[in-house]
N, C-alpha and C. Protein backbone atom coordinates (compact mmCIF):
# COMPACT_ATOMS: atom_id res chain seq x y z
N MET A 1 0.85 -1.17 0.00
CA MET A 1 0.00 0.00 0.00
C MET A 1 0.89 1.24 0.00
N PRO A 2 0.68 2.17 -0.89
CA PRO A 2 1.52 3.37 -0.94
C PRO A 2 1.42 4.16 0.37
N THR A 3 2.52 4.80 0.73
CA THR A 3 2.59 5.55 1.98
C THR A 3 1.54 6.66 2.02
N ARG A 4 1.34 7.34 0.91
CA ARG A 4 0.38 8.44 0.87
C ARG A 4 -1.04 7.96 1.20
N THR A 5 -1.42 6.80 0.67
CA THR A 5 -2.74 6.24 0.93
C THR A 5 -2.88 5.88 2.40
N LEU A 6 -1.85 5.28 2.98
CA LEU A 6 -1.86 4.91 4.39
C LEU A 6 -1.98 6.16 5.26
N PHE A 7 -1.24 7.20 4.92
CA PHE A 7 -1.30 8.45 5.69
C PHE A 7 -2.69 9.07 5.59
N THR A 8 -3.29 9.04 4.41
CA THR A 8 -4.63 9.58 4.22
C THR A 8 -5.64 8.82 5.07
N LYS A 9 -5.51 7.50 5.15
CA LYS A 9 -6.40 6.69 5.99
C LYS A 9 -6.23 7.05 7.47
N GLN A 10 -4.99 7.27 7.88
CA GLN A 10 -4.74 7.64 9.28
C GLN A 10 -5.36 9.00 9.59
N LEU A 11 -5.28 9.94 8.66
CA LEU A 11 -5.90 11.25 8.87
C LEU A 11 -7.42 11.12 8.96
N LYS A 12 -8.00 10.22 8.18
CA LYS A 12 -9.46 10.00 8.25
C LYS A 12 -9.87 9.46 9.62
N ILE A 13 -9.04 8.63 10.21
CA ILE A 13 -9.33 8.12 11.56
C ILE A 13 -9.36 9.28 12.55
N LEU A 14 -8.42 10.22 12.41
CA LEU A 14 -8.37 11.37 13.31
C LEU A 14 -9.56 12.30 13.12
N GLN A 15 -10.26 12.17 12.01
CA GLN A 15 -11.40 13.04 11.71
C GLN A 15 -12.68 12.50 12.35
N GLN A 16 -12.65 11.34 12.95
CA GLN A 16 -13.84 10.75 13.56
C GLN A 16 -14.05 11.31 14.96
N LYS A 17 -15.30 11.48 15.36
CA LYS A 17 -15.61 12.04 16.67
C LYS A 17 -15.11 11.15 17.80
N ARG A 18 -15.17 9.82 17.61
CA ARG A 18 -14.67 8.90 18.64
C ARG A 18 -13.19 9.16 18.91
N SER A 19 -12.44 9.34 17.84
CA SER A 19 -11.01 9.63 17.97
C SER A 19 -10.80 10.95 18.69
N PHE A 20 -11.61 11.93 18.35
CA PHE A 20 -11.52 13.26 18.97
C PHE A 20 -11.66 13.14 20.49
N TYR A 21 -12.68 12.44 20.95
CA TYR A 21 -12.92 12.34 22.39
C TYR A 21 -11.83 11.52 23.10
N PHE A 22 -11.36 10.47 22.47
CA PHE A 22 -10.26 9.68 23.03
C PHE A 22 -9.01 10.55 23.16
N LEU A 23 -8.69 11.29 22.11
CA LEU A 23 -7.50 12.14 22.11
C LEU A 23 -7.64 13.30 23.09
N LEU A 24 -8.85 13.85 23.20
CA LEU A 24 -9.10 14.92 24.17
C LEU A 24 -8.85 14.41 25.59
N ALA A 25 -9.40 13.24 25.91
CA ALA A 25 -9.22 12.66 27.24
C ALA A 25 -7.74 12.37 27.50
N GLY A 26 -7.06 11.78 26.54
CA GLY A 26 -5.64 11.48 26.71
C GLY A 26 -4.81 12.74 26.88
N THR A 27 -5.15 13.78 26.12
CA THR A 27 -4.42 15.05 26.23
C THR A 27 -4.60 15.66 27.62
N ILE A 28 -5.83 15.66 28.12
CA ILE A 28 -6.09 16.22 29.44
C ILE A 28 -5.38 15.42 30.53
N ILE A 29 -5.48 14.10 30.46
CA ILE A 29 -4.81 13.25 31.46
C ILE A 29 -3.30 13.48 31.45
N MET A 30 -2.73 13.53 30.24
CA MET A 30 -1.28 13.73 30.16
C MET A 30 -0.87 15.15 30.55
N MET A 31 -1.73 16.13 30.30
CA MET A 31 -1.42 17.50 30.76
C MET A 31 -1.33 17.53 32.29
N LEU A 32 -2.24 16.81 32.95
CA LEU A 32 -2.20 16.74 34.41
C LEU A 32 -0.95 16.01 34.88
N ALA A 33 -0.60 14.91 34.23
CA ALA A 33 0.62 14.17 34.59
C ALA A 33 1.85 15.03 34.37
N MET A 34 1.88 15.75 33.25
CA MET A 34 3.02 16.62 32.95
C MET A 34 3.11 17.77 33.97
N TYR A 35 1.96 18.31 34.35
CA TYR A 35 1.95 19.40 35.33
C TYR A 35 2.49 18.91 36.68
N CYS A 36 1.97 17.76 37.13
CA CYS A 36 2.41 17.23 38.43
C CYS A 36 3.89 16.86 38.44
N SER A 37 4.34 16.19 37.38
CA SER A 37 5.75 15.78 37.35
C SER A 37 6.67 16.96 37.05
N GLY A 38 6.12 18.02 36.47
CA GLY A 38 6.95 19.17 36.12
C GLY A 38 6.96 20.28 37.16
N LYS A 39 6.09 20.20 38.13
CA LYS A 39 6.00 21.25 39.16
C LYS A 39 7.34 21.48 39.89
N PRO A 40 8.06 20.42 40.29
CA PRO A 40 9.34 20.65 40.99
C PRO A 40 10.40 21.33 40.11
N LEU A 41 10.20 21.33 38.80
CA LEU A 41 11.18 21.92 37.89
C LEU A 41 11.08 23.44 37.83
N GLN A 42 10.04 23.98 38.44
CA GLN A 42 9.87 25.43 38.47
C GLN A 42 10.63 25.99 39.67
N THR A 43 11.80 26.52 39.39
CA THR A 43 12.64 27.11 40.44
C THR A 43 12.80 28.59 40.15
N ALA A 44 13.54 29.27 40.99
CA ALA A 44 13.78 30.70 40.78
C ALA A 44 14.45 30.96 39.42
N GLU A 45 15.39 30.08 39.04
CA GLU A 45 16.09 30.27 37.77
C GLU A 45 15.28 29.73 36.58
N THR A 46 14.37 28.79 36.86
CA THR A 46 13.58 28.18 35.77
C THR A 46 12.09 28.25 36.08
N PRO A 47 11.50 29.45 36.09
CA PRO A 47 10.06 29.55 36.38
C PRO A 47 9.19 28.84 35.34
N ALA A 48 9.71 28.64 34.14
CA ALA A 48 8.96 27.93 33.09
C ALA A 48 9.17 26.42 33.18
N GLY A 49 9.93 25.96 34.15
CA GLY A 49 10.14 24.52 34.34
C GLY A 49 10.94 23.90 33.20
N ILE A 50 10.44 22.78 32.68
CA ILE A 50 11.15 22.01 31.65
C ILE A 50 11.32 22.81 30.36
N VAL A 51 10.44 23.77 30.13
CA VAL A 51 10.53 24.59 28.91
C VAL A 51 11.86 25.35 28.89
N ALA A 52 12.36 25.69 30.07
CA ALA A 52 13.65 26.38 30.14
C ALA A 52 14.75 25.51 29.52
N LEU A 53 14.72 24.22 29.81
CA LEU A 53 15.73 23.32 29.24
C LEU A 53 15.47 23.09 27.75
N GLU A 54 14.20 22.98 27.36
CA GLU A 54 13.86 22.82 25.94
C GLU A 54 14.45 23.95 25.11
N LEU A 55 14.34 25.16 25.64
CA LEU A 55 14.74 26.34 24.87
C LEU A 55 16.10 26.90 25.29
N ALA A 56 16.90 26.07 25.94
CA ALA A 56 18.27 26.49 26.26
C ALA A 56 19.07 26.51 24.95
N PRO A 57 19.56 27.68 24.52
CA PRO A 57 20.21 27.77 23.21
C PRO A 57 21.65 27.28 23.17
N THR A 58 22.27 27.16 24.35
CA THR A 58 23.68 26.75 24.39
C THR A 58 23.89 25.68 25.47
N LYS A 59 24.99 24.97 25.35
CA LYS A 59 25.33 23.97 26.36
C LYS A 59 25.56 24.64 27.71
N ALA A 60 26.15 25.83 27.71
CA ALA A 60 26.40 26.55 28.96
C ALA A 60 25.08 26.87 29.67
N LYS A 61 24.06 27.29 28.91
CA LYS A 61 22.77 27.59 29.52
C LYS A 61 22.11 26.32 30.04
N ALA A 62 22.18 25.23 29.27
CA ALA A 62 21.62 23.94 29.71
C ALA A 62 22.31 23.48 31.00
N GLU A 63 23.64 23.60 31.05
CA GLU A 63 24.38 23.21 32.26
C GLU A 63 23.99 24.09 33.44
N SER A 64 23.75 25.37 33.20
CA SER A 64 23.32 26.28 34.26
C SER A 64 21.96 25.85 34.82
N ILE A 65 21.06 25.44 33.95
CA ILE A 65 19.74 24.97 34.38
C ILE A 65 19.89 23.70 35.20
N LEU A 66 20.67 22.75 34.71
CA LEU A 66 20.89 21.50 35.45
C LEU A 66 21.52 21.77 36.81
N SER A 67 22.45 22.69 36.84
CA SER A 67 23.11 23.05 38.10
C SER A 67 22.11 23.65 39.08
N SER A 68 21.22 24.51 38.59
CA SER A 68 20.22 25.11 39.48
C SER A 68 19.27 24.04 40.01
N TRP A 69 18.94 23.05 39.19
CA TRP A 69 18.07 21.97 39.66
C TRP A 69 18.79 21.10 40.68
N ARG A 70 20.08 20.83 40.45
CA ARG A 70 20.84 20.03 41.43
C ARG A 70 20.92 20.78 42.76
N ASN A 71 21.16 22.09 42.70
CA ASN A 71 21.27 22.89 43.92
C ASN A 71 19.93 22.99 44.66
N ALA A 72 18.83 22.98 43.92
CA ALA A 72 17.50 23.10 44.54
C ALA A 72 16.98 21.75 45.03
N SER A 73 17.64 20.66 44.67
CA SER A 73 17.20 19.33 45.09
C SER A 73 17.39 19.16 46.59
N ALA A 74 16.44 18.48 47.20
CA ALA A 74 16.54 18.17 48.62
C ALA A 74 17.31 16.86 48.78
N ALA A 75 17.66 16.55 49.99
CA ALA A 75 18.43 15.33 50.25
C ALA A 75 17.69 14.08 49.78
N ASN A 76 16.36 14.10 49.88
CA ASN A 76 15.58 12.92 49.49
C ASN A 76 14.81 13.13 48.19
N TYR A 77 15.11 14.20 47.45
CA TYR A 77 14.36 14.46 46.22
C TYR A 77 15.29 15.08 45.17
N ASN A 78 15.43 14.42 44.03
CA ASN A 78 16.32 14.87 42.98
C ASN A 78 15.49 15.48 41.84
N ILE A 79 15.65 16.77 41.62
CA ILE A 79 14.87 17.47 40.59
C ILE A 79 15.27 17.01 39.19
N VAL A 80 16.53 16.68 38.99
CA VAL A 80 16.96 16.20 37.66
C VAL A 80 16.25 14.88 37.34
N THR A 81 16.05 14.04 38.33
CA THR A 81 15.29 12.80 38.12
C THR A 81 13.85 13.12 37.74
N SER A 82 13.28 14.15 38.36
CA SER A 82 11.92 14.58 37.99
C SER A 82 11.88 15.08 36.55
N ALA A 83 12.95 15.76 36.13
CA ALA A 83 13.01 16.25 34.75
C ALA A 83 13.06 15.08 33.76
N LYS A 84 13.79 14.05 34.12
CA LYS A 84 13.83 12.86 33.26
C LYS A 84 12.45 12.21 33.17
N MET A 85 11.77 12.05 34.31
CA MET A 85 10.45 11.45 34.31
C MET A 85 9.47 12.30 33.49
N ASN A 86 9.54 13.61 33.65
CA ASN A 86 8.68 14.52 32.90
C ASN A 86 8.92 14.38 31.41
N THR A 87 10.17 14.23 31.02
CA THR A 87 10.52 14.08 29.60
C THR A 87 10.00 12.76 29.06
N TRP A 88 10.09 11.69 29.84
CA TRP A 88 9.54 10.40 29.40
C TRP A 88 8.03 10.47 29.26
N PHE A 89 7.34 11.17 30.18
CA PHE A 89 5.90 11.37 30.06
C PHE A 89 5.57 12.13 28.78
N ASP A 90 6.46 13.03 28.40
CA ASP A 90 6.20 13.85 27.21
C ASP A 90 6.13 13.01 25.93
N PHE A 91 6.79 11.87 25.92
CA PHE A 91 6.69 10.99 24.75
C PHE A 91 5.24 10.51 24.56
N ILE A 92 4.53 10.29 25.66
CA ILE A 92 3.12 9.92 25.58
C ILE A 92 2.28 11.15 25.25
N PHE A 93 2.58 12.25 25.94
CA PHE A 93 1.82 13.49 25.73
C PHE A 93 1.90 13.98 24.29
N LEU A 94 3.08 13.90 23.67
CA LEU A 94 3.23 14.41 22.32
C LEU A 94 2.36 13.65 21.33
N PHE A 95 2.16 12.36 21.57
CA PHE A 95 1.23 11.60 20.72
C PHE A 95 -0.17 12.18 20.85
N PHE A 96 -0.61 12.36 22.10
CA PHE A 96 -1.98 12.83 22.31
C PHE A 96 -2.19 14.26 21.81
N TYR A 97 -1.31 15.21 22.19
CA TYR A 97 -1.59 16.59 21.80
C TYR A 97 -1.49 16.79 20.30
N SER A 98 -0.52 16.16 19.64
CA SER A 98 -0.39 16.39 18.20
C SER A 98 -1.55 15.75 17.44
N CYS A 99 -1.95 14.56 17.84
CA CYS A 99 -3.10 13.91 17.19
C CYS A 99 -4.40 14.63 17.53
N PHE A 100 -4.53 15.12 18.76
CA PHE A 100 -5.73 15.87 19.15
C PHE A 100 -5.85 17.15 18.33
N LEU A 101 -4.78 17.91 18.22
CA LEU A 101 -4.84 19.15 17.44
C LEU A 101 -5.09 18.85 15.96
N CYS A 102 -4.52 17.77 15.46
CA CYS A 102 -4.78 17.35 14.09
C CYS A 102 -6.26 17.02 13.91
N SER A 103 -6.81 16.31 14.88
CA SER A 103 -8.23 15.97 14.85
C SER A 103 -9.09 17.23 14.85
N CYS A 104 -8.75 18.19 15.71
CA CYS A 104 -9.49 19.47 15.76
C CYS A 104 -9.46 20.16 14.40
N LEU A 105 -8.29 20.21 13.80
CA LEU A 105 -8.16 20.85 12.49
C LEU A 105 -9.03 20.16 11.44
N LEU A 106 -9.00 18.84 11.43
CA LEU A 106 -9.75 18.09 10.41
C LEU A 106 -11.26 18.19 10.63
N LEU A 107 -11.68 18.11 11.88
CA LEU A 107 -13.11 18.21 12.17
C LEU A 107 -13.66 19.59 11.84
N LEU A 108 -12.91 20.61 12.15
CA LEU A 108 -13.33 21.98 11.84
C LEU A 108 -13.28 22.23 10.33
N ALA A 109 -12.28 21.67 9.66
CA ALA A 109 -12.18 21.82 8.20
C ALA A 109 -13.39 21.20 7.50
N ALA A 110 -13.91 20.10 8.06
CA ALA A 110 -15.08 19.44 7.47
C ALA A 110 -16.33 20.30 7.59
N ARG A 111 -16.32 21.24 8.51
CA ARG A 111 -17.48 22.11 8.70
C ARG A 111 -17.36 23.45 7.97
N LEU A 112 -16.15 23.79 7.61
CA LEU A 112 -15.92 25.06 6.90
C LEU A 112 -15.54 24.75 5.46
N HIS A 113 -16.44 24.99 4.57
CA HIS A 113 -16.20 24.68 3.16
C HIS A 113 -15.78 25.95 2.41
N ASN A 114 -14.70 26.53 2.85
CA ASN A 114 -14.18 27.73 2.20
C ASN A 114 -12.65 27.68 2.28
N LYS A 115 -12.02 28.81 2.02
CA LYS A 115 -10.55 28.83 2.01
C LYS A 115 -9.95 28.45 3.36
N ILE A 116 -10.58 28.92 4.45
CA ILE A 116 -10.02 28.59 5.76
C ILE A 116 -10.13 27.08 6.03
N GLY A 117 -11.18 26.44 5.54
CA GLY A 117 -11.30 24.99 5.67
C GLY A 117 -10.17 24.28 4.95
N HIS A 118 -9.82 24.80 3.79
CA HIS A 118 -8.69 24.23 3.03
C HIS A 118 -7.37 24.43 3.78
N VAL A 119 -7.20 25.59 4.39
CA VAL A 119 -5.99 25.86 5.18
C VAL A 119 -5.91 24.91 6.36
N LEU A 120 -7.04 24.66 7.00
CA LEU A 120 -7.07 23.74 8.14
C LEU A 120 -6.64 22.33 7.72
N LYS A 121 -7.11 21.89 6.55
CA LYS A 121 -6.71 20.56 6.05
C LYS A 121 -5.21 20.50 5.78
N LEU A 122 -4.67 21.59 5.24
CA LEU A 122 -3.23 21.63 4.97
C LEU A 122 -2.41 21.67 6.27
N ALA A 123 -2.97 22.29 7.30
CA ALA A 123 -2.25 22.44 8.57
C ALA A 123 -2.24 21.14 9.38
N ALA A 124 -3.18 20.24 9.11
CA ALA A 124 -3.30 19.02 9.91
C ALA A 124 -2.01 18.19 9.93
N PRO A 125 -1.40 17.90 8.78
CA PRO A 125 -0.15 17.13 8.84
C PRO A 125 1.01 17.92 9.48
N VAL A 126 0.94 19.25 9.43
CA VAL A 126 2.01 20.07 9.98
C VAL A 126 2.08 19.91 11.50
N ILE A 127 0.93 19.80 12.15
CA ILE A 127 0.95 19.64 13.60
C ILE A 127 1.53 18.27 13.98
N LEU A 128 1.36 17.28 13.10
CA LEU A 128 1.99 15.98 13.35
C LEU A 128 3.51 16.10 13.24
N PHE A 129 3.96 16.99 12.37
CA PHE A 129 5.41 17.27 12.26
C PHE A 129 5.92 17.88 13.57
N ALA A 130 5.09 18.69 14.23
CA ALA A 130 5.49 19.25 15.53
C ALA A 130 5.71 18.13 16.53
N GLY A 131 4.86 17.09 16.48
CA GLY A 131 5.06 15.94 17.35
C GLY A 131 6.39 15.24 17.07
N LEU A 132 6.74 15.14 15.79
CA LEU A 132 8.04 14.56 15.42
C LEU A 132 9.19 15.40 15.97
N MET A 133 9.08 16.72 15.87
CA MET A 133 10.11 17.60 16.42
C MET A 133 10.22 17.41 17.93
N ASP A 134 9.07 17.17 18.58
CA ASP A 134 9.06 16.95 20.02
C ASP A 134 9.81 15.66 20.39
N ILE A 135 9.74 14.65 19.53
CA ILE A 135 10.49 13.40 19.77
C ILE A 135 11.99 13.69 19.78
N PHE A 136 12.46 14.43 18.77
CA PHE A 136 13.89 14.76 18.71
C PHE A 136 14.30 15.66 19.87
N GLU A 137 13.42 16.59 20.23
CA GLU A 137 13.69 17.46 21.38
C GLU A 137 13.83 16.64 22.65
N ASN A 138 12.91 15.72 22.88
CA ASN A 138 12.97 14.88 24.09
C ASN A 138 14.23 14.03 24.13
N ALA A 139 14.60 13.47 22.99
CA ALA A 139 15.83 12.67 22.93
C ALA A 139 17.03 13.52 23.31
N GLY A 140 17.10 14.73 22.80
CA GLY A 140 18.19 15.64 23.14
C GLY A 140 18.19 16.01 24.61
N MET A 141 17.00 16.24 25.16
CA MET A 141 16.93 16.59 26.58
C MET A 141 17.35 15.41 27.46
N LEU A 142 16.98 14.20 27.08
CA LEU A 142 17.40 13.04 27.86
C LEU A 142 18.92 12.87 27.83
N LEU A 143 19.53 13.16 26.67
CA LEU A 143 21.00 13.12 26.61
C LEU A 143 21.59 14.17 27.54
N THR A 144 21.02 15.37 27.51
CA THR A 144 21.51 16.45 28.36
C THR A 144 21.31 16.11 29.84
N LEU A 145 20.13 15.61 30.18
CA LEU A 145 19.85 15.25 31.57
C LEU A 145 20.73 14.09 32.05
N GLY A 146 21.14 13.24 31.12
CA GLY A 146 22.02 12.12 31.46
C GLY A 146 23.49 12.49 31.47
N GLY A 147 23.81 13.74 31.17
CA GLY A 147 25.20 14.19 31.19
C GLY A 147 25.96 13.91 29.91
N SER A 148 25.26 13.58 28.83
CA SER A 148 25.93 13.24 27.57
C SER A 148 25.68 14.28 26.48
N SER A 149 25.52 15.52 26.87
CA SER A 149 25.23 16.52 25.84
C SER A 149 26.49 17.23 25.40
N ASN A 150 26.35 17.90 24.27
CA ASN A 150 27.39 18.78 23.76
C ASN A 150 26.68 19.91 23.03
N ASP A 151 27.44 20.80 22.42
CA ASP A 151 26.83 21.95 21.74
C ASP A 151 25.89 21.52 20.61
N ILE A 152 26.22 20.44 19.92
CA ILE A 152 25.38 19.97 18.81
C ILE A 152 24.05 19.44 19.35
N VAL A 153 24.10 18.63 20.39
CA VAL A 153 22.87 18.07 20.98
C VAL A 153 21.97 19.19 21.48
N VAL A 154 22.54 20.14 22.21
CA VAL A 154 21.75 21.25 22.74
C VAL A 154 21.21 22.11 21.60
N GLY A 155 22.00 22.32 20.57
CA GLY A 155 21.55 23.10 19.41
C GLY A 155 20.39 22.43 18.68
N ILE A 156 20.48 21.12 18.49
CA ILE A 156 19.39 20.38 17.83
C ILE A 156 18.15 20.39 18.72
N THR A 157 18.33 20.19 20.02
CA THR A 157 17.21 20.22 20.96
C THR A 157 16.51 21.58 20.89
N PHE A 158 17.29 22.65 20.95
CA PHE A 158 16.73 24.00 20.90
C PHE A 158 15.98 24.24 19.59
N THR A 159 16.58 23.85 18.47
CA THR A 159 15.96 24.06 17.15
C THR A 159 14.65 23.29 17.03
N CYS A 160 14.66 22.05 17.45
CA CYS A 160 13.44 21.23 17.39
C CYS A 160 12.35 21.80 18.31
N ALA A 161 12.76 22.24 19.50
CA ALA A 161 11.78 22.84 20.43
C ALA A 161 11.20 24.12 19.84
N LEU A 162 12.04 24.94 19.26
CA LEU A 162 11.57 26.19 18.67
C LEU A 162 10.59 25.93 17.53
N ILE A 163 10.92 25.00 16.65
CA ILE A 163 10.02 24.65 15.54
C ILE A 163 8.70 24.12 16.10
N LYS A 164 8.78 23.24 17.10
CA LYS A 164 7.57 22.68 17.71
C LYS A 164 6.69 23.77 18.28
N TRP A 165 7.28 24.66 19.08
CA TRP A 165 6.48 25.71 19.72
C TRP A 165 5.87 26.66 18.70
N ILE A 166 6.59 27.00 17.66
CA ILE A 166 6.04 27.87 16.62
C ILE A 166 4.83 27.21 15.95
N ILE A 167 4.97 25.93 15.61
CA ILE A 167 3.87 25.20 14.96
C ILE A 167 2.67 25.08 15.91
N VAL A 168 2.92 24.72 17.16
CA VAL A 168 1.82 24.55 18.12
C VAL A 168 1.09 25.87 18.34
N LEU A 169 1.83 26.95 18.57
CA LEU A 169 1.18 28.24 18.79
C LEU A 169 0.44 28.73 17.55
N ALA A 170 1.02 28.54 16.37
CA ALA A 170 0.34 28.93 15.13
C ALA A 170 -0.93 28.09 14.95
N THR A 171 -0.87 26.82 15.28
CA THR A 171 -2.04 25.94 15.17
C THR A 171 -3.14 26.39 16.12
N LEU A 172 -2.78 26.72 17.34
CA LEU A 172 -3.77 27.18 18.31
C LEU A 172 -4.43 28.48 17.84
N LEU A 173 -3.63 29.39 17.33
CA LEU A 173 -4.20 30.64 16.80
C LEU A 173 -5.11 30.38 15.61
N LEU A 174 -4.70 29.48 14.74
CA LEU A 174 -5.52 29.12 13.58
C LEU A 174 -6.84 28.49 14.02
N LEU A 175 -6.79 27.62 15.00
CA LEU A 175 -8.00 26.99 15.51
C LEU A 175 -8.95 28.00 16.15
N ILE A 176 -8.40 28.94 16.89
CA ILE A 176 -9.24 29.97 17.50
C ILE A 176 -9.91 30.81 16.41
N TYR A 177 -9.13 31.25 15.44
CA TYR A 177 -9.66 32.05 14.34
C TYR A 177 -10.74 31.29 13.57
N ALA A 178 -10.46 30.04 13.21
CA ALA A 178 -11.42 29.23 12.44
C ALA A 178 -12.67 28.94 13.26
N SER A 179 -12.51 28.72 14.56
CA SER A 179 -13.67 28.47 15.42
C SER A 179 -14.58 29.69 15.48
N LEU A 180 -13.98 30.85 15.58
CA LEU A 180 -14.78 32.09 15.58
C LEU A 180 -15.51 32.26 14.26
N LEU A 181 -14.84 31.98 13.15
CA LEU A 181 -15.50 32.04 11.84
C LEU A 181 -16.67 31.05 11.77
N TYR A 182 -16.46 29.86 12.31
CA TYR A 182 -17.50 28.84 12.29
C TYR A 182 -18.70 29.30 13.12
N ILE A 183 -18.45 29.84 14.30
CA ILE A 183 -19.53 30.33 15.17
C ILE A 183 -20.32 31.44 14.47
N VAL A 184 -19.61 32.36 13.84
CA VAL A 184 -20.27 33.45 13.10
C VAL A 184 -21.11 32.90 11.96
N SER A 185 -20.57 31.90 11.24
CA SER A 185 -21.30 31.33 10.11
C SER A 185 -22.57 30.62 10.58
N ILE A 186 -22.54 29.99 11.74
CA ILE A 186 -23.73 29.33 12.29
C ILE A 186 -24.78 30.37 12.64
N LYS A 187 -24.37 31.47 13.26
CA LYS A 187 -25.31 32.52 13.65
C LYS A 187 -25.98 33.15 12.44
N HIS A 188 -25.23 33.28 11.33
CA HIS A 188 -25.81 33.86 10.11
C HIS A 188 -26.81 32.92 9.45
N LYS A 189 -26.67 31.62 9.66
CA LYS A 189 -27.58 30.64 9.07
C LYS A 189 -28.88 30.53 9.83
N GLN A 190 -28.87 30.93 11.11
CA GLN A 190 -30.08 30.85 11.93
C GLN A 190 -31.04 31.96 11.54
N PRO A 191 -32.38 31.63 11.52
CA PRO A 191 -33.36 32.65 11.15
C PRO A 191 -33.55 33.68 12.22
């Protein structure tokens, strides 16, 4: 079976309401797990928690973050270990959030039969690419958290995180805009 046909079938699965609700539930559950496991990572130097490490542009900055977490760790609690656990949870979360946002785009595109609906269909595979970037980002962070990073690893991690965040934020803005258009279109159809 050609790859394009297989990918199209997978996108159709994400367009089903059952998939939407499953992905919504998984996204919410994993957001809670990520919040709980990531709470200790919010220190004076890293108020954004794990995002600080994701967006560390240099090895020196990444080492500074790790050092602050080691210094903030209590005798019976290691914050770097929490960062590793949070990163492993993110492998599950990235599946849910990227597929959920893809599902949102496809479901909304099916209701908007205009240019914005076409844009939503085109954006659906792009959010899955953000999930792929998140995989590379997580791998880089695990190397850094394990003490095996260098400037290249940190640079790739930063680049992948930046691409992911740009795509996710653009997708959220697109969904908000398209949702407002959909709501307006429904109100105009009502007598």
